[in-house]
Amino acid sequence: MDKLEAVQRVLRFSESMRNWCEKEKKVFFDDFDDGNVMNYDEGGHGHLADIILAKGIEEGFIDEEDLD
């Protein structure tokens, strides 16, 4: 699965990550797209997406070997 799909899966199933993104980072599910999950510059969500993926793997919502 690609990075965007994995981020969306984690946010869909992990209430704790979804709440953290919305309340702490002010970033919502619809704010992620193909371009900004790979963008590590200001205005992109690359670093945030990496945190979401790491937490998703830790919580068992995705498997690291499933990522492209």
N, C-alpha and C. Protein backbone atom coordinates (compact mmCIF):
# COMPACT_ATOMS: atom_id res chain seq x y z
N MET A 1 0.85 -1.17 0.00
CA MET A 1 0.00 0.00 0.00
C MET A 1 0.90 1.24 0.00
N ASP A 2 0.44 2.28 -0.64
CA ASP A 2 1.25 3.49 -0.70
C ASP A 2 1.11 4.28 0.60
N LYS A 3 1.91 5.29 0.74
CA LYS A 3 2.00 6.05 1.99
C LYS A 3 0.68 6.72 2.34
N LEU A 4 0.02 7.33 1.36
CA LEU A 4 -1.25 8.00 1.62
C LEU A 4 -2.29 7.00 2.11
N GLU A 5 -2.39 5.87 1.45
CA GLU A 5 -3.37 4.86 1.85
C GLU A 5 -3.09 4.36 3.28
N ALA A 6 -1.84 4.19 3.61
CA ALA A 6 -1.47 3.73 4.95
C ALA A 6 -1.82 4.78 6.01
N VAL A 7 -1.52 6.05 5.72
CA VAL A 7 -1.86 7.13 6.65
C VAL A 7 -3.37 7.18 6.86
N GLN A 8 -4.12 7.08 5.77
CA GLN A 8 -5.57 7.12 5.87
C GLN A 8 -6.12 5.95 6.68
N ARG A 9 -5.53 4.77 6.50
CA ARG A 9 -5.96 3.59 7.24
C ARG A 9 -5.75 3.80 8.75
N VAL A 10 -4.57 4.29 9.10
CA VAL A 10 -4.29 4.52 10.52
C VAL A 10 -5.26 5.55 11.10
N LEU A 11 -5.46 6.64 10.39
CA LEU A 11 -6.36 7.68 10.89
C LEU A 11 -7.81 7.19 10.96
N ARG A 12 -8.18 6.31 10.06
CA ARG A 12 -9.54 5.78 10.06
C ARG A 12 -9.78 4.87 11.27
N PHE A 13 -8.78 4.07 11.63
CA PHE A 13 -8.99 3.06 12.66
C PHE A 13 -8.41 3.41 14.03
N SER A 14 -7.50 4.35 14.10
CA SER A 14 -6.89 4.71 15.38
C SER A 14 -7.48 6.02 15.88
N GLU A 15 -8.39 5.90 16.80
CA GLU A 15 -9.03 7.10 17.34
C GLU A 15 -8.01 7.99 18.06
N SER A 16 -7.05 7.36 18.73
CA SER A 16 -6.05 8.15 19.47
C SER A 16 -5.18 8.97 18.50
N MET A 17 -4.78 8.39 17.37
CA MET A 17 -3.97 9.14 16.39
C MET A 17 -4.79 10.22 15.71
N ARG A 18 -6.03 9.89 15.38
CA ARG A 18 -6.90 10.88 14.73
C ARG A 18 -7.11 12.07 15.67
N ASN A 19 -7.39 11.80 16.94
CA ASN A 19 -7.58 12.88 17.91
C ASN A 19 -6.31 13.69 18.09
N TRP A 20 -5.16 13.03 18.16
CA TRP A 20 -3.88 13.73 18.31
C TRP A 20 -3.64 14.67 17.13
N CYS A 21 -3.87 14.17 15.91
CA CYS A 21 -3.66 15.01 14.72
C CYS A 21 -4.59 16.21 14.73
N GLU A 22 -5.84 15.98 15.05
CA GLU A 22 -6.82 17.05 15.01
C GLU A 22 -6.61 18.07 16.13
N LYS A 23 -6.36 17.60 17.35
CA LYS A 23 -6.27 18.51 18.48
C LYS A 23 -4.89 19.13 18.65
N GLU A 24 -3.84 18.34 18.48
CA GLU A 24 -2.48 18.83 18.71
C GLU A 24 -1.87 19.47 17.47
N LYS A 25 -2.10 18.88 16.31
CA LYS A 25 -1.46 19.35 15.08
C LYS A 25 -2.39 20.15 14.18
N LYS A 26 -3.68 20.13 14.48
CA LYS A 26 -4.69 20.85 13.69
C LYS A 26 -4.67 20.40 12.22
N VAL A 27 -4.45 19.11 12.02
CA VAL A 27 -4.44 18.50 10.69
C VAL A 27 -5.51 17.42 10.69
N PHE A 28 -6.34 17.41 9.65
CA PHE A 28 -7.47 16.51 9.58
C PHE A 28 -7.29 15.50 8.46
N PHE A 29 -8.09 14.45 8.49
CA PHE A 29 -8.02 13.36 7.52
C PHE A 29 -7.95 13.90 6.09
N ASP A 30 -8.82 14.81 5.75
CA ASP A 30 -8.89 15.35 4.39
C ASP A 30 -7.71 16.25 4.02
N ASP A 31 -6.89 16.63 4.99
CA ASP A 31 -5.73 17.48 4.71
C ASP A 31 -4.58 16.70 4.07
N PHE A 32 -4.63 15.38 4.13
CA PHE A 32 -3.57 14.56 3.54
C PHE A 32 -3.90 14.24 2.10
N ASP A 33 -2.90 14.38 1.21
CA ASP A 33 -3.05 13.98 -0.18
C ASP A 33 -1.73 13.37 -0.66
N ASP A 34 -1.73 12.87 -1.91
CA ASP A 34 -0.54 12.20 -2.45
C ASP A 34 0.70 13.06 -2.39
N GLY A 35 0.56 14.35 -2.60
CA GLY A 35 1.72 15.23 -2.64
C GLY A 35 2.27 15.57 -1.27
N ASN A 36 1.40 15.92 -0.34
CA ASN A 36 1.93 16.42 0.93
C ASN A 36 2.39 15.33 1.88
N VAL A 37 2.01 14.06 1.68
CA VAL A 37 2.55 13.02 2.56
C VAL A 37 4.00 12.70 2.21
N MET A 38 4.42 13.13 1.04
CA MET A 38 5.81 12.93 0.61
C MET A 38 6.62 14.22 0.71
N ASN A 39 5.99 15.30 1.11
CA ASN A 39 6.62 16.62 1.16
C ASN A 39 7.14 16.88 2.57
N TYR A 40 8.46 17.00 2.69
CA TYR A 40 9.08 17.24 3.99
C TYR A 40 9.44 18.72 4.19
N ASP A 41 9.09 19.55 3.23
CA ASP A 41 9.32 20.99 3.35
C ASP A 41 8.20 21.62 4.15
N GLU A 42 8.37 22.89 4.50
CA GLU A 42 7.32 23.61 5.21
C GLU A 42 6.03 23.56 4.40
N GLY A 43 4.94 23.28 5.07
CA GLY A 43 3.64 23.17 4.40
C GLY A 43 3.29 21.75 4.01
N GLY A 44 4.26 20.86 4.02
CA GLY A 44 4.01 19.46 3.72
C GLY A 44 3.73 18.68 4.99
N HIS A 45 3.27 17.48 4.82
CA HIS A 45 2.94 16.64 5.97
C HIS A 45 3.80 15.37 6.03
N GLY A 46 4.96 15.38 5.39
CA GLY A 46 5.82 14.20 5.35
C GLY A 46 6.24 13.71 6.71
N HIS A 47 6.71 14.61 7.56
CA HIS A 47 7.15 14.22 8.90
C HIS A 47 5.98 13.72 9.74
N LEU A 48 4.86 14.40 9.65
CA LEU A 48 3.67 13.99 10.39
C LEU A 48 3.18 12.62 9.90
N ALA A 49 3.21 12.42 8.60
CA ALA A 49 2.80 11.13 8.03
C ALA A 49 3.70 10.01 8.55
N ASP A 50 4.99 10.28 8.67
CA ASP A 50 5.92 9.26 9.19
C ASP A 50 5.59 8.91 10.64
N ILE A 51 5.23 9.90 11.44
CA ILE A 51 4.86 9.65 12.83
C ILE A 51 3.58 8.81 12.89
N ILE A 52 2.62 9.14 12.04
CA ILE A 52 1.36 8.40 11.99
C ILE A 52 1.62 6.95 11.59
N LEU A 53 2.48 6.74 10.61
CA LEU A 53 2.78 5.38 10.17
C LEU A 53 3.48 4.58 11.26
N ALA A 54 4.44 5.21 11.93
CA ALA A 54 5.15 4.52 13.01
C ALA A 54 4.18 4.10 14.12
N LYS A 55 3.28 4.99 14.47
CA LYS A 55 2.30 4.68 15.51
C LYS A 55 1.32 3.62 15.02
N GLY A 56 0.95 3.67 13.75
CA GLY A 56 0.05 2.67 13.18
C GLY A 56 0.67 1.29 13.19
N ILE A 57 1.96 1.21 12.92
CA ILE A 57 2.67 -0.07 12.99
C ILE A 57 2.71 -0.55 14.43
N GLU A 58 3.06 0.35 15.34
CA GLU A 58 3.13 0.02 16.77
C GLU A 58 1.80 -0.48 17.31
N GLU A 59 0.70 0.14 16.87
CA GLU A 59 -0.63 -0.24 17.35
C GLU A 59 -1.23 -1.40 16.58
N GLY A 60 -0.56 -1.85 15.50
CA GLY A 60 -1.03 -3.00 14.75
C GLY A 60 -2.07 -2.73 13.68
N PHE A 61 -2.24 -1.47 13.30
CA PHE A 61 -3.21 -1.14 12.25
C PHE A 61 -2.66 -1.38 10.85
N ILE A 62 -1.34 -1.33 10.71
CA ILE A 62 -0.67 -1.64 9.45
C ILE A 62 0.59 -2.44 9.78
N ASP A 63 1.08 -3.18 8.78
CA ASP A 63 2.33 -3.91 8.91
C ASP A 63 3.38 -3.22 8.07
N GLU A 64 4.58 -3.11 8.61
CA GLU A 64 5.67 -2.42 7.90
C GLU A 64 5.92 -3.04 6.53
N GLU A 65 5.82 -4.37 6.43
CA GLU A 65 6.09 -5.02 5.15
C GLU A 65 5.00 -4.77 4.10
N ASP A 66 3.86 -4.22 4.52
CA ASP A 66 2.78 -3.90 3.57
C ASP A 66 3.01 -2.56 2.86
N LEU A 67 3.94 -1.74 3.39
CA LEU A 67 4.20 -0.42 2.82
C LEU A 67 5.05 -0.52 1.56
N ASP A 68 4.72 0.29 0.57
CA ASP A 68 5.52 0.37 -0.67
C ASP A 68 6.76 1.17 -0.45
